[in-house]
PDB file of N, CA and C in Angstrom:
ATOM      1  N   MET A   1       0.840  -1.180   0.000  1.00  0.00           N
ATOM      2  CA  MET A   1       0.000   0.000   0.000  1.00  0.00           C
ATOM      3  C   MET A   1       0.884   1.243   0.000  1.00  0.00           C
ATOM      4  N   PRO A   2       0.644   2.224  -0.889  1.00  0.00           N
ATOM      5  CA  PRO A   2       1.477   3.425  -0.936  1.00  0.00           C
ATOM      6  C   PRO A   2       1.278   4.302   0.296  1.00  0.00           C
ATOM      7  N   GLU A   3       2.328   5.038   0.620  1.00  0.00           N
ATOM      8  CA  GLU A   3       2.253   5.984   1.721  1.00  0.00           C
ATOM      9  C   GLU A   3       1.317   7.128   1.356  1.00  0.00           C
ATOM     10  N   PRO A   4       0.497   7.607   2.284  1.00  0.00           N
ATOM     11  CA  PRO A   4      -0.325   8.781   1.999  1.00  0.00           C
ATOM     12  C   PRO A   4       0.571   9.981   1.722  1.00  0.00           C
ATOM     13  N   MET A   5       0.140  10.829   0.803  1.00  0.00           N
ATOM     14  CA  MET A   5       0.919  12.019   0.460  1.00  0.00           C
ATOM     15  C   MET A   5       1.109  12.889   1.705  1.00  0.00           C
ATOM     16  N   GLY A   6       2.288  13.437   1.827  1.00  0.00           N
ATOM     17  CA  GLY A   6       2.572  14.341   2.935  1.00  0.00           C
ATOM     18  C   GLY A   6       3.001  13.645   4.208  1.00  0.00           C
ATOM     19  N   GLN A   7       2.979  12.325   4.241  1.00  0.00           N
ATOM     20  CA  GLN A   7       3.390  11.590   5.426  1.00  0.00           C
ATOM     21  C   GLN A   7       4.878  11.265   5.337  1.00  0.00           C
ATOM     22  N   PRO A   8       5.596  11.335   6.458  1.00  0.00           N
ATOM     23  CA  PRO A   8       7.011  10.962   6.432  1.00  0.00           C
ATOM     24  C   PRO A   8       7.183   9.504   6.008  1.00  0.00           C
ATOM     25  N   SER A   9       8.259   9.248   5.311  1.00  0.00           N
ATOM     26  CA  SER A   9       8.535   7.901   4.838  1.00  0.00           C
ATOM     27  C   SER A   9       9.138   7.066   5.963  1.00  0.00           C
ATOM     28  N   PRO A  10       8.695   5.810   6.094  1.00  0.00           N
ATOM     29  CA  PRO A  10       9.301   4.946   7.107  1.00  0.00           C
ATOM     30  C   PRO A  10      10.698   4.457   6.705  1.00  0.00           C
ATOM     31  N   ILE A  11      11.097   4.695   5.446  1.00  0.00           N
ATOM     32  CA  ILE A  11      12.407   4.230   4.985  1.00  0.00           C
ATOM     33  C   ILE A  11      13.412   5.371   4.871  1.00  0.00           C
ATOM     34  N   LEU A  12      13.076   6.525   5.477  1.00  0.00           N
ATOM     35  CA  LEU A  12      13.950   7.690   5.361  1.00  0.00           C
ATOM     36  C   LEU A  12      13.916   8.502   6.644  1.00  0.00           C
ATOM     37  N   ASP A  13      15.088   8.941   7.066  1.00  0.00           N
ATOM     38  CA  ASP A  13      15.196   9.854   8.199  1.00  0.00           C
ATOM     39  C   ASP A  13      16.061  11.017   7.752  1.00  0.00           C
ATOM     40  N   ILE A  14      15.614  12.226   8.025  1.00  0.00           N
ATOM     41  CA  ILE A  14      16.348  13.427   7.621  1.00  0.00           C
ATOM     42  C   ILE A  14      16.624  14.258   8.865  1.00  0.00           C
ATOM     43  N   ARG A  15      17.880  14.642   9.037  1.00  0.00           N
ATOM     44  CA  ARG A  15      18.285  15.511  10.137  1.00  0.00           C
ATOM     45  C   ARG A  15      18.822  16.809   9.549  1.00  0.00           C
ATOM     46  N   VAL A  16      18.285  17.915   9.993  1.00  0.00           N
ATOM     47  CA  VAL A  16      18.725  19.222   9.523  1.00  0.00           C
ATOM     48  C   VAL A  16      19.349  19.953  10.702  1.00  0.00           C
ATOM     49  N   THR A  17      20.628  20.301  10.555  1.00  0.00           N
ATOM     50  CA  THR A  17      21.340  21.042  11.594  1.00  0.00           C
ATOM     51  C   THR A  17      22.154  22.144  10.923  1.00  0.00           C
ATOM     52  N   ARG A  18      22.787  22.940  11.744  1.00  0.00           N
ATOM     53  CA  ARG A  18      23.676  23.985  11.245  1.00  0.00           C
ATOM     54  C   ARG A  18      24.990  23.925  12.009  1.00  0.00           C
ATOM     55  N   ALA A  19      26.057  24.176  11.280  1.00  0.00           N
ATOM     56  CA  ALA A  19      27.383  24.342  11.874  1.00  0.00           C
ATOM     57  C   ALA A  19      27.800  25.749  11.474  1.00  0.00           C
ATOM     58  N   GLY A  20      27.528  26.710  12.349  1.00  0.00           N
ATOM     59  CA  GLY A  20      27.702  28.108  11.959  1.00  0.00           C
ATOM     60  C   GLY A  20      26.669  28.443  10.902  1.00  0.00           C
ATOM     61  N   ASP A  21      27.134  28.952   9.769  1.00  0.00           N
ATOM     62  CA  ASP A  21      26.186  29.263   8.688  1.00  0.00           C
ATOM     63  C   ASP A  21      26.194  28.204   7.590  1.00  0.00           C
ATOM     64  N   VAL A  22      26.701  27.010   7.924  1.00  0.00           N
ATOM     65  CA  VAL A  22      26.682  25.886   6.983  1.00  0.00           C
ATOM     66  C   VAL A  22      25.478  25.007   7.320  1.00  0.00           C
ATOM     67  N   LEU A  23      24.645  24.772   6.326  1.00  0.00           N
ATOM     68  CA  LEU A  23      23.494  23.890   6.467  1.00  0.00           C
ATOM     69  C   LEU A  23      23.962  22.449   6.310  1.00  0.00           C
ATOM     70  N   VAL A  24      23.642  21.602   7.290  1.00  0.00           N
ATOM     71  CA  VAL A  24      24.031  20.195   7.248  1.00  0.00           C
ATOM     72  C   VAL A  24      22.754  19.364   7.223  1.00  0.00           C
ATOM     73  N   ILE A  25      22.594  18.581   6.151  1.00  0.00           N
ATOM     74  CA  ILE A  25      21.435  17.706   6.017  1.00  0.00           C
ATOM     75  C   ILE A  25      21.933  16.274   6.018  1.00  0.00           C
ATOM     76  N   GLY A  26      21.527  15.522   7.022  1.00  0.00           N
ATOM     77  CA  GLY A  26      21.892  14.117   7.124  1.00  0.00           C
ATOM     78  C   GLY A  26      20.722  13.250   6.696  1.00  0.00           C
ATOM     79  N   VAL A  27      21.001  12.287   5.830  1.00  0.00           N
ATOM     80  CA  VAL A  27      19.959  11.409   5.304  1.00  0.00           C
ATOM     81  C   VAL A  27      20.313   9.967   5.669  1.00  0.00           C
ATOM     82  N   THR A  28      19.322   9.257   6.212  1.00  0.00           N
ATOM     83  CA  THR A  28      19.477   7.843   6.538  1.00  0.00           C
ATOM     84  C   THR A  28      18.357   7.078   5.852  1.00  0.00           C
ATOM     85  N   GLY A  29      18.717   5.984   5.176  1.00  0.00           N
ATOM     86  CA  GLY A  29      17.697   5.148   4.552  1.00  0.00           C
ATOM     87  C   GLY A  29      17.866   5.042   3.060  1.00  0.00           C
ATOM     88  N   GLU A  30      16.755   5.144   2.357  1.00  0.00           N
ATOM     89  CA  GLU A  30      16.734   4.984   0.910  1.00  0.00           C
ATOM     90  C   GLU A  30      16.439   6.317   0.237  1.00  0.00           C
ATOM     91  N   LEU A  31      17.230   6.631  -0.772  1.00  0.00           N
ATOM     92  CA  LEU A  31      17.045   7.876  -1.513  1.00  0.00           C
ATOM     93  C   LEU A  31      16.648   7.508  -2.942  1.00  0.00           C
ATOM     94  N   ASP A  32      15.360   7.634  -3.218  1.00  0.00           N
ATOM     95  CA  ASP A  32      14.821   7.273  -4.529  1.00  0.00           C
ATOM     96  C   ASP A  32      13.720   8.260  -4.904  1.00  0.00           C
ATOM     97  N   SER A  33      13.008   7.979  -5.983  1.00  0.00           N
ATOM     98  CA  SER A  33      12.002   8.926  -6.464  1.00  0.00           C
ATOM     99  C   SER A  33      10.882   9.159  -5.454  1.00  0.00           C
ATOM    100  N   ASP A  34      10.644   8.210  -4.569  1.00  0.00           N
ATOM    101  CA  ASP A  34       9.612   8.388  -3.547  1.00  0.00           C
ATOM    102  C   ASP A  34      10.077   9.259  -2.381  1.00  0.00           C
ATOM    103  N   THR A  35      11.371   9.237  -2.084  1.00  0.00           N
ATOM    104  CA  THR A  35      11.865   9.938  -0.903  1.00  0.00           C
ATOM    105  C   THR A  35      12.595  11.243  -1.211  1.00  0.00           C
ATOM    106  N   VAL A  36      13.041  11.423  -2.444  1.00  0.00           N
ATOM    107  CA  VAL A  36      13.747  12.657  -2.806  1.00  0.00           C
ATOM    108  C   VAL A  36      12.916  13.913  -2.495  1.00  0.00           C
ATOM    109  N   PRO A  37      11.598  13.917  -2.729  1.00  0.00           N
ATOM    110  CA  PRO A  37      10.835  15.126  -2.391  1.00  0.00           C
ATOM    111  C   PRO A  37      10.958  15.538  -0.919  1.00  0.00           C
ATOM    112  N   GLU A  38      11.087  14.569  -0.019  1.00  0.00           N
ATOM    113  CA  GLU A  38      11.260  14.896   1.400  1.00  0.00           C
ATOM    114  C   GLU A  38      12.605  15.580   1.642  1.00  0.00           C
ATOM    115  N   VAL A  39      13.645  15.080   0.984  1.00  0.00           N
ATOM    116  CA  VAL A  39      14.971  15.687   1.140  1.00  0.00           C
ATOM    117  C   VAL A  39      14.960  17.081   0.517  1.00  0.00           C
ATOM    118  N   ARG A  40      14.339  17.216  -0.638  1.00  0.00           N
ATOM    119  CA  ARG A  40      14.236  18.516  -1.295  1.00  0.00           C
ATOM    120  C   ARG A  40      13.503  19.512  -0.397  1.00  0.00           C
ATOM    121  N   ALA A  41      12.438  19.082   0.249  1.00  0.00           N
ATOM    122  CA  ALA A  41      11.689  19.955   1.156  1.00  0.00           C
ATOM    123  C   ALA A  41      12.557  20.390   2.338  1.00  0.00           C
ATOM    124  N   ALA A  42      13.369  19.463   2.861  1.00  0.00           N
ATOM    125  CA  ALA A  42      14.283  19.809   3.957  1.00  0.00           C
ATOM    126  C   ALA A  42      15.325  20.817   3.486  1.00  0.00           C
ATOM    127  N   LEU A  43      15.835  20.628   2.272  1.00  0.00           N
ATOM    128  CA  LEU A  43      16.788  21.591   1.696  1.00  0.00           C
ATOM    129  C   LEU A  43      16.134  22.958   1.531  1.00  0.00           C
ATOM    130  N   ASP A  44      14.924  22.967   0.981  1.00  0.00           N
ATOM    131  CA  ASP A  44      14.214  24.228   0.780  1.00  0.00           C
ATOM    132  C   ASP A  44      14.028  24.963   2.104  1.00  0.00           C
ATOM    133  N   ALA A  45      13.581  24.240   3.122  1.00  0.00           N
ATOM    134  CA  ALA A  45      13.373  24.840   4.433  1.00  0.00           C
ATOM    135  C   ALA A  45      14.693  25.353   5.010  1.00  0.00           C
ATOM    136  N   GLY A  46      15.749  24.551   4.910  1.00  0.00           N
ATOM    137  CA  GLY A  46      17.048  24.952   5.431  1.00  0.00           C
ATOM    138  C   GLY A  46      17.634  26.140   4.706  1.00  0.00           C
ATOM    139  N   LEU A  47      17.405  26.200   3.389  1.00  0.00           N
ATOM    140  CA  LEU A  47      17.963  27.303   2.598  1.00  0.00           C
ATOM    141  C   LEU A  47      17.126  28.577   2.696  1.00  0.00           C
ATOM    142  N   SER A  48      16.022  28.512   3.437  1.00  0.00           N
ATOM    143  CA  SER A  48      15.247  29.737   3.658  1.00  0.00           C
ATOM    144  C   SER A  48      16.026  30.702   4.549  1.00  0.00           C
ATOM    145  N   GLU A  49      16.988  30.182   5.296  1.00  0.00           N
ATOM    146  CA  GLU A  49      17.922  31.004   6.066  1.00  0.00           C
ATOM    147  C   GLU A  49      19.226  31.086   5.281  1.00  0.00           C
ATOM    148  N   PRO A  50      19.916  32.224   5.348  1.00  0.00           N
ATOM    149  CA  PRO A  50      21.181  32.335   4.608  1.00  0.00           C
ATOM    150  C   PRO A  50      22.169  31.244   5.026  1.00  0.00           C
ATOM    151  N   SER A  51      22.776  30.620   4.025  1.00  0.00           N
ATOM    152  CA  SER A  51      23.752  29.553   4.259  1.00  0.00           C
ATOM    153  C   SER A  51      24.944  29.785   3.347  1.00  0.00           C
ATOM    154  N   SER A  52      26.140  29.657   3.906  1.00  0.00           N
ATOM    155  CA  SER A  52      27.339  29.827   3.093  1.00  0.00           C
ATOM    156  C   SER A  52      27.656  28.569   2.305  1.00  0.00           C
ATOM    157  N   ALA A  53      27.154  27.422   2.789  1.00  0.00           N
ATOM    158  CA  ALA A  53      27.439  26.146   2.142  1.00  0.00           C
ATOM    159  C   ALA A  53      26.418  25.123   2.622  1.00  0.00           C
ATOM    160  N   VAL A  54      26.362  24.008   1.872  1.00  0.00           N
ATOM    161  CA  VAL A  54      25.511  22.883   2.251  1.00  0.00           C
ATOM    162  C   VAL A  54      26.373  21.639   2.309  1.00  0.00           C
ATOM    163  N   VAL A  55      26.245  20.902   3.415  1.00  0.00           N
ATOM    164  CA  VAL A  55      26.855  19.590   3.538  1.00  0.00           C
ATOM    165  C   VAL A  55      25.706  18.595   3.505  1.00  0.00           C
ATOM    166  N   LEU A  56      25.729  17.720   2.519  1.00  0.00           N
ATOM    167  CA  LEU A  56      24.714  16.688   2.376  1.00  0.00           C
ATOM    168  C   LEU A  56      25.343  15.367   2.792  1.00  0.00           C
ATOM    169  N   ASP A  57      24.966  14.892   3.986  1.00  0.00           N
ATOM    170  CA  ASP A  57      25.556  13.679   4.552  1.00  0.00           C
ATOM    171  C   ASP A  57      24.737  12.467   4.121  1.00  0.00           C
ATOM    172  N   LEU A  58      25.288  11.704   3.177  1.00  0.00           N
ATOM    173  CA  LEU A  58      24.640  10.498   2.668  1.00  0.00           C
ATOM    174  C   LEU A  58      25.335   9.236   3.166  1.00  0.00           C
ATOM    175  N   SER A  59      26.112   9.356   4.226  1.00  0.00           N
ATOM    176  CA  SER A  59      26.902   8.220   4.708  1.00  0.00           C
ATOM    177  C   SER A  59      26.036   7.085   5.246  1.00  0.00           C
ATOM    178  N   GLU A  60      24.779   7.338   5.548  1.00  0.00           N
ATOM    179  CA  GLU A  60      23.880   6.297   6.049  1.00  0.00           C
ATOM    180  C   GLU A  60      22.803   5.931   5.035  1.00  0.00           C
ATOM    181  N   VAL A  61      23.038   6.245   3.772  1.00  0.00           N
ATOM    182  CA  VAL A  61      22.087   5.890   2.718  1.00  0.00           C
ATOM    183  C   VAL A  61      22.457   4.514   2.179  1.00  0.00           C
ATOM    184  N   GLY A  62      21.499   3.599   2.220  1.00  0.00           N
ATOM    185  CA  GLY A  62      21.741   2.233   1.780  1.00  0.00           C
ATOM    186  C   GLY A  62      21.276   1.953   0.365  1.00  0.00           C
ATOM    187  N   PHE A  63      20.403   2.798  -0.161  1.00  0.00           N
ATOM    188  CA  PHE A  63      19.941   2.674  -1.543  1.00  0.00           C
ATOM    189  C   PHE A  63      19.893   4.063  -2.138  1.00  0.00           C
ATOM    190  N   PHE A  64      20.450   4.213  -3.358  1.00  0.00           N
ATOM    191  CA  PHE A  64      20.610   5.523  -3.985  1.00  0.00           C
ATOM    192  C   PHE A  64      20.303   5.379  -5.465  1.00  0.00           C
ATOM    193  N   SER A  65      19.210   5.980  -5.911  1.00  0.00           N
ATOM    194  CA  SER A  65      18.781   5.826  -7.301  1.00  0.00           C
ATOM    195  C   SER A  65      19.170   7.039  -8.141  1.00  0.00           C
ATOM    196  N   SER A  66      18.770   7.002  -9.393  1.00  0.00           N
ATOM    197  CA  SER A  66      19.027   8.135 -10.288  1.00  0.00           C
ATOM    198  C   SER A  66      18.331   9.398  -9.786  1.00  0.00           C
ATOM    199  N   ALA A  67      17.254   9.256  -9.050  1.00  0.00           N
ATOM    200  CA  ALA A  67      16.597  10.431  -8.459  1.00  0.00           C
ATOM    201  C   ALA A  67      17.531  11.106  -7.459  1.00  0.00           C
ATOM    202  N   GLY A  68      18.326  10.312  -6.748  1.00  0.00           N
ATOM    203  CA  GLY A  68      19.323  10.871  -5.841  1.00  0.00           C
ATOM    204  C   GLY A  68      20.407  11.625  -6.588  1.00  0.00           C
ATOM    205  N   LEU A  69      20.846  11.077  -7.714  1.00  0.00           N
ATOM    206  CA  LEU A  69      21.832  11.780  -8.553  1.00  0.00           C
ATOM    207  C   LEU A  69      21.267  13.107  -9.035  1.00  0.00           C
ATOM    208  N   SER A  70      20.023  13.103  -9.462  1.00  0.00           N
ATOM    209  CA  SER A  70      19.378  14.339  -9.919  1.00  0.00           C
ATOM    210  C   SER A  70      19.303  15.368  -8.800  1.00  0.00           C
ATOM    211  N   LEU A  71      19.010  14.890  -7.591  1.00  0.00           N
ATOM    212  CA  LEU A  71      18.960  15.795  -6.442  1.00  0.00           C
ATOM    213  C   LEU A  71      20.326  16.436  -6.192  1.00  0.00           C
ATOM    214  N   LEU A  72      21.399  15.657  -6.323  1.00  0.00           N
ATOM    215  CA  LEU A  72      22.746  16.211  -6.140  1.00  0.00           C
ATOM    216  C   LEU A  72      23.025  17.308  -7.163  1.00  0.00           C
ATOM    217  N   LEU A  73      22.689  17.048  -8.418  1.00  0.00           N
ATOM    218  CA  LEU A  73      22.914  18.060  -9.460  1.00  0.00           C
ATOM    219  C   LEU A  73      22.069  19.304  -9.217  1.00  0.00           C
ATOM    220  N   GLU A  74      20.827  19.102  -8.863  1.00  0.00           N
ATOM    221  CA  GLU A  74      19.935  20.227  -8.584  1.00  0.00           C
ATOM    222  C   GLU A  74      20.468  21.070  -7.424  1.00  0.00           C
ATOM    223  N   THR A  75      20.914  20.406  -6.374  1.00  0.00           N
ATOM    224  CA  THR A  75      21.446  21.119  -5.207  1.00  0.00           C
ATOM    225  C   THR A  75      22.725  21.846  -5.569  1.00  0.00           C
ATOM    226  N   ARG A  76      23.568  21.209  -6.361  1.00  0.00           N
ATOM    227  CA  ARG A  76      24.833  21.848  -6.790  1.00  0.00           C
ATOM    228  C   ARG A  76      24.565  23.142  -7.557  1.00  0.00           C
ATOM    229  N   ARG A  77      23.511  23.163  -8.357  1.00  0.00           N
ATOM    230  CA  ARG A  77      23.155  24.382  -9.100  1.00  0.00           C
ATOM    231  C   ARG A  77      22.598  25.468  -8.185  1.00  0.00           C
ATOM    232  N   ARG A  78      22.006  25.070  -7.080  1.00  0.00           N
ATOM    233  CA  ARG A  78      21.339  26.028  -6.186  1.00  0.00           C
ATOM    234  C   ARG A  78      22.285  26.731  -5.227  1.00  0.00           C
ATOM    235  N   VAL A  79      23.401  26.100  -4.885  1.00  0.00           N
ATOM    236  CA  VAL A  79      24.279  26.655  -3.854  1.00  0.00           C
ATOM    237  C   VAL A  79      25.690  26.847  -4.401  1.00  0.00           C
ATOM    238  N   ASP A  80      26.408  27.769  -3.803  1.00  0.00           N
ATOM    239  CA  ASP A  80      27.796  28.012  -4.223  1.00  0.00           C
ATOM    240  C   ASP A  80      28.713  26.882  -3.803  1.00  0.00           C
ATOM    241  N   VAL A  81      28.487  26.357  -2.590  1.00  0.00           N
ATOM    242  CA  VAL A  81      29.361  25.320  -2.052  1.00  0.00           C
ATOM    243  C   VAL A  81      28.506  24.146  -1.587  1.00  0.00           C
ATOM    244  N   LEU A  82      28.741  22.988  -2.202  1.00  0.00           N
ATOM    245  CA  LEU A  82      28.078  21.751  -1.811  1.00  0.00           C
ATOM    246  C   LEU A  82      29.153  20.716  -1.514  1.00  0.00           C
ATOM    247  N   ALA A  83      29.086  20.147  -0.324  1.00  0.00           N
ATOM    248  CA  ALA A  83      29.985  19.060   0.057  1.00  0.00           C
ATOM    249  C   ALA A  83      29.125  17.832   0.340  1.00  0.00           C
ATOM    250  N   VAL A  84      29.449  16.729  -0.310  1.00  0.00           N
ATOM    251  CA  VAL A  84      28.693  15.485  -0.159  1.00  0.00           C
ATOM    252  C   VAL A  84      29.518  14.511   0.664  1.00  0.00           C
ATOM    253  N   VAL A  85      28.899  13.947   1.694  1.00  0.00           N
ATOM    254  CA  VAL A  85      29.553  12.926   2.502  1.00  0.00           C
ATOM    255  C   VAL A  85      28.988  11.582   2.058  1.00  0.00           C
ATOM    256  N   ALA A  86      29.864  10.724   1.565  1.00  0.00           N
ATOM    257  CA  ALA A  86      29.436   9.405   1.091  1.00  0.00           C
ATOM    258  C   ALA A  86      30.525   8.386   1.394  1.00  0.00           C
ATOM    259  N   THR A  87      30.120   7.302   2.022  1.00  0.00           N
ATOM    260  CA  THR A  87      31.076   6.254   2.371  1.00  0.00           C
ATOM    261  C   THR A  87      30.645   4.885   1.870  1.00  0.00           C
ATOM    262  N   ARG A  88      29.395   4.737   1.528  1.00  0.00           N
ATOM    263  CA  ARG A  88      28.878   3.432   1.110  1.00  0.00           C
ATOM    264  C   ARG A  88      28.886   3.292  -0.408  1.00  0.00           C
ATOM    265  N   ARG A  89      29.118   2.083  -0.840  1.00  0.00           N
ATOM    266  CA  ARG A  89      29.138   1.770  -2.272  1.00  0.00           C
ATOM    267  C   ARG A  89      27.823   2.150  -2.957  1.00  0.00           C
ATOM    268  N   ALA A  90      26.708   2.013  -2.242  1.00  0.00           N
ATOM    269  CA  ALA A  90      25.397   2.322  -2.827  1.00  0.00           C
ATOM    270  C   ALA A  90      25.323   3.759  -3.334  1.00  0.00           C
ATOM    271  N   VAL A  91      26.065   4.660  -2.715  1.00  0.00           N
ATOM    272  CA  VAL A  91      26.077   6.069  -3.134  1.00  0.00           C
ATOM    273  C   VAL A  91      27.303   6.371  -3.987  1.00  0.00           C
ATOM    274  N   LEU A  92      28.457   5.885  -3.567  1.00  0.00           N
ATOM    275  CA  LEU A  92      29.698   6.198  -4.282  1.00  0.00           C
ATOM    276  C   LEU A  92      29.704   5.660  -5.713  1.00  0.00           C
ATOM    277  N   ARG A  93      29.230   4.443  -5.889  1.00  0.00           N
ATOM    278  CA  ARG A  93      29.304   3.813  -7.216  1.00  0.00           C
ATOM    279  C   ARG A  93      28.501   4.579  -8.271  1.00  0.00           C
ATOM    280  N   PRO A  94      27.256   4.949  -8.026  1.00  0.00           N
ATOM    281  CA  PRO A  94      26.528   5.730  -9.046  1.00  0.00           C
ATOM    282  C   PRO A  94      27.202   7.070  -9.359  1.00  0.00           C
ATOM    283  N   ILE A  95      27.777   7.704  -8.333  1.00  0.00           N
ATOM    284  CA  ILE A  95      28.475   8.970  -8.569  1.00  0.00           C
ATOM    285  C   ILE A  95      29.692   8.736  -9.461  1.00  0.00           C
ATOM    286  N   GLN A  96      30.437   7.674  -9.181  1.00  0.00           N
ATOM    287  CA  GLN A  96      31.641   7.375  -9.949  1.00  0.00           C
ATOM    288  C   GLN A  96      31.326   6.946 -11.382  1.00  0.00           C
ATOM    289  N   LEU A  97      30.216   6.269 -11.582  1.00  0.00           N
ATOM    290  CA  LEU A  97      29.876   5.745 -12.907  1.00  0.00           C
ATOM    291  C   LEU A  97      29.227   6.768 -13.833  1.00  0.00           C
ATOM    292  N   THR A  98      28.859   7.899 -13.292  1.00  0.00           N
ATOM    293  CA  THR A  98      28.207   8.931 -14.109  1.00  0.00           C
ATOM    294  C   THR A  98      29.158  10.101 -14.302  1.00  0.00           C
ATOM    295  N   ALA A  99      28.743  11.002 -15.130  1.00  0.00           N
ATOM    296  CA  ALA A  99      29.576  12.175 -15.434  1.00  0.00           C
ATOM    297  C   ALA A  99      29.502  13.237 -14.351  1.00  0.00           C
ATOM    298  N   ILE A 100      28.800  12.981 -13.243  1.00  0.00           N
ATOM    299  CA  ILE A 100      28.670  14.038 -12.242  1.00  0.00           C
ATOM    300  C   ILE A 100      29.803  14.062 -11.224  1.00  0.00           C
ATOM    301  N   ALA A 101      30.603  13.020 -11.153  1.00  0.00           N
ATOM    302  CA  ALA A 101      31.680  12.970 -10.160  1.00  0.00           C
ATOM    303  C   ALA A 101      32.563  14.221 -10.176  1.00  0.00           C
ATOM    304  N   PRO A 102      32.984  14.734 -11.348  1.00  0.00           N
ATOM    305  CA  PRO A 102      33.832  15.927 -11.339  1.00  0.00           C
ATOM    306  C   PRO A 102      33.117  17.196 -10.853  1.00  0.00           C
ATOM    307  N   LEU A 103      31.797  17.163 -10.797  1.00  0.00           N
ATOM    308  CA  LEU A 103      31.029  18.330 -10.372  1.00  0.00           C
ATOM    309  C   LEU A 103      30.830  18.385  -8.866  1.00  0.00           C
ATOM    310  N   LEU A 104      31.187  17.304  -8.171  1.00  0.00           N
ATOM    311  CA  LEU A 104      30.920  17.205  -6.742  1.00  0.00           C
ATOM    312  C   LEU A 104      32.203  17.115  -5.937  1.00  0.00           C
ATOM    313  N   SER A 105      32.127  17.597  -4.717  1.00  0.00           N
ATOM    314  CA  SER A 105      33.190  17.387  -3.738  1.00  0.00           C
ATOM    315  C   SER A 105      32.674  16.355  -2.759  1.00  0.00           C
ATOM    316  N   VAL A 106      33.280  15.160  -2.773  1.00  0.00           N
ATOM    317  CA  VAL A 106      32.817  14.049  -1.943  1.00  0.00           C
ATOM    318  C   VAL A 106      33.836  13.801  -0.831  1.00  0.00           C
ATOM    319  N   PHE A 107      33.325  13.618   0.381  1.00  0.00           N
ATOM    320  CA  PHE A 107      34.170  13.446   1.556  1.00  0.00           C
ATOM    321  C   PHE A 107      33.762  12.214   2.336  1.00  0.00           C
ATOM    322  N   ALA A 108      34.671  11.733   3.186  1.00  0.00           N
ATOM    323  CA  ALA A 108      34.433  10.528   3.971  1.00  0.00           C
ATOM    324  C   ALA A 108      33.774  10.823   5.314  1.00  0.00           C
ATOM    325  N   SER A 109      33.731  12.111   5.726  1.00  0.00           N
ATOM    326  CA  SER A 109      33.113  12.452   7.006  1.00  0.00           C
ATOM    327  C   SER A 109      32.544  13.864   6.957  1.00  0.00           C
ATOM    328  N   VAL A 110      31.613  14.117   7.853  1.00  0.00           N
ATOM    329  CA  VAL A 110      31.031  15.451   7.954  1.00  0.00           C
ATOM    330  C   VAL A 110      32.102  16.449   8.371  1.00  0.00           C
ATOM    331  N   ASP A 111      32.990  16.048   9.285  1.00  0.00           N
ATOM    332  CA  ASP A 111      34.058  16.954   9.728  1.00  0.00           C
ATOM    333  C   ASP A 111      34.923  17.403   8.554  1.00  0.00           C
ATOM    334  N   GLU A 112      35.319  16.454   7.684  1.00  0.00           N
ATOM    335  CA  GLU A 112      36.120  16.817   6.509  1.00  0.00           C
ATOM    336  C   GLU A 112      35.335  17.758   5.601  1.00  0.00           C
ATOM    337  N   ALA A 113      34.061  17.489   5.426  1.00  0.00           N
ATOM    338  CA  ALA A 113      33.221  18.330   4.565  1.00  0.00           C
ATOM    339  C   ALA A 113      33.087  19.734   5.144  1.00  0.00           C
ATOM    340  N   LEU A 114      32.958  19.843   6.460  1.00  0.00           N
ATOM    341  CA  LEU A 114      32.833  21.164   7.092  1.00  0.00           C
ATOM    342  C   LEU A 114      34.119  21.967   6.954  1.00  0.00           C
ATOM    343  N   VAL A 115      35.262  21.292   7.078  1.00  0.00           N
ATOM    344  CA  VAL A 115      36.551  21.985   6.891  1.00  0.00           C
ATOM    345  C   VAL A 115      36.624  22.536   5.470  1.00  0.00           C
ATOM    346  N   ARG A 116      36.251  21.705   4.498  1.00  0.00           N
ATOM    347  CA  ARG A 116      36.271  22.136   3.096  1.00  0.00           C
ATOM    348  C   ARG A 116      35.284  23.280   2.855  1.00  0.00           C
ATOM    349  N   ALA A 117      34.096  23.169   3.421  1.00  0.00           N
ATOM    350  CA  ALA A 117      33.086  24.213   3.249  1.00  0.00           C
ATOM    351  C   ALA A 117      33.591  25.535   3.817  1.00  0.00           C
ATOM    352  N   ALA A 118      34.238  25.479   4.981  1.00  0.00           N
ATOM    353  CA  ALA A 118      34.765  26.698   5.593  1.00  0.00           C
ATOM    354  C   ALA A 118      35.874  27.299   4.749  1.00  0.00           C
ATOM    355  N   SER A 119      36.778  26.468   4.219  1.00  0.00           N
ATOM    356  CA  SER A 119      37.873  27.006   3.420  1.00  0.00           C
ATOM    357  C   SER A 119      37.363  27.559   2.097  1.00  0.00           C
ATOM    358  N   THR A 120      36.376  26.916   1.510  1.00  0.00           N
ATOM    359  CA  THR A 120      35.799  27.411   0.259  1.00  0.00           C
ATOM    360  C   THR A 120      35.046  28.703   0.499  1.00  0.00           C
ATOM    361  N   GLN A 121      34.352  28.791   1.630  1.00  0.00           N
ATOM    362  CA  GLN A 121      33.627  30.011   1.982  1.00  0.00           C
ATOM    363  C   GLN A 121      34.594  31.177   2.078  1.00  0.00           C
ATOM    364  N   HIS A 122      35.730  30.963   2.752  1.00  0.00           N
ATOM    365  CA  HIS A 122      36.721  32.041   2.881  1.00  0.00           C
ATOM    366  C   HIS A 122      37.295  32.444   1.531  1.00  0.00           C
ATOM    367  N   ALA A 123      37.484  31.483   0.636  1.00  0.00           N
ATOM    368  CA  ALA A 123      37.984  31.779  -0.706  1.00  0.00           C
ATOM    369  C   ALA A 123      36.983  32.625  -1.471  1.00  0.00           C
ATOM    370  N   HIS A 124      35.677  32.310  -1.348  1.00  0.00           N
ATOM    371  CA  HIS A 124      34.642  33.096  -2.014  1.00  0.00           C
ATOM    372  C   HIS A 124      34.589  34.516  -1.461  1.00  0.00           C
ATOM    373  N   GLN A 125      34.782  34.670  -0.147  1.00  0.00           N
ATOM    374  CA  GLN A 125      34.753  36.003   0.464  1.00  0.00           C
ATOM    375  C   GLN A 125      35.939  36.838   0.029  1.00  0.00           C
ATOM    376  N   ALA A 126      37.069  36.204  -0.272  1.00  0.00           N
ATOM    377  CA  ALA A 126      38.272  36.926  -0.697  1.00  0.00           C
ATOM    378  C   ALA A 126      38.161  37.414  -2.136  1.00  0.00           C
ATOM    379  N   ASP A 127      37.268  36.800  -2.945  1.00  0.00           N
ATOM    380  CA  ASP A 127      37.129  37.192  -4.357  1.00  0.00           C
ATOM    381  C   ASP A 127      36.566  38.574  -4.521  1.00  0.00           C
TER     382      ASP A 127
END
């Protein structure tokens, strides 16, 4: 039976936090055409406040479809600095097999991504 519209998915958990002015979105579960709208809504809500960068933590994503790849590209177009945290093959392999890998900065931890986001932010401010 399909989930009623507007109801949270039982196969997805989204955590939205901030590290200074960096928006950090952590996703756990499955990222596919059914769940991407929830992540997009969390991004939209988070980006309603000024953010210097976005860290998208996909380290706990066990299934990642082409809808997830599309979300990464869409987010990359929306923000100046996007750092993706990915450690599982389910996420890394689709990124590596497509032409989007050179467009993304992928890290093994949120801490590494935050360091990169901060250094990139300072570089943008110096321009």
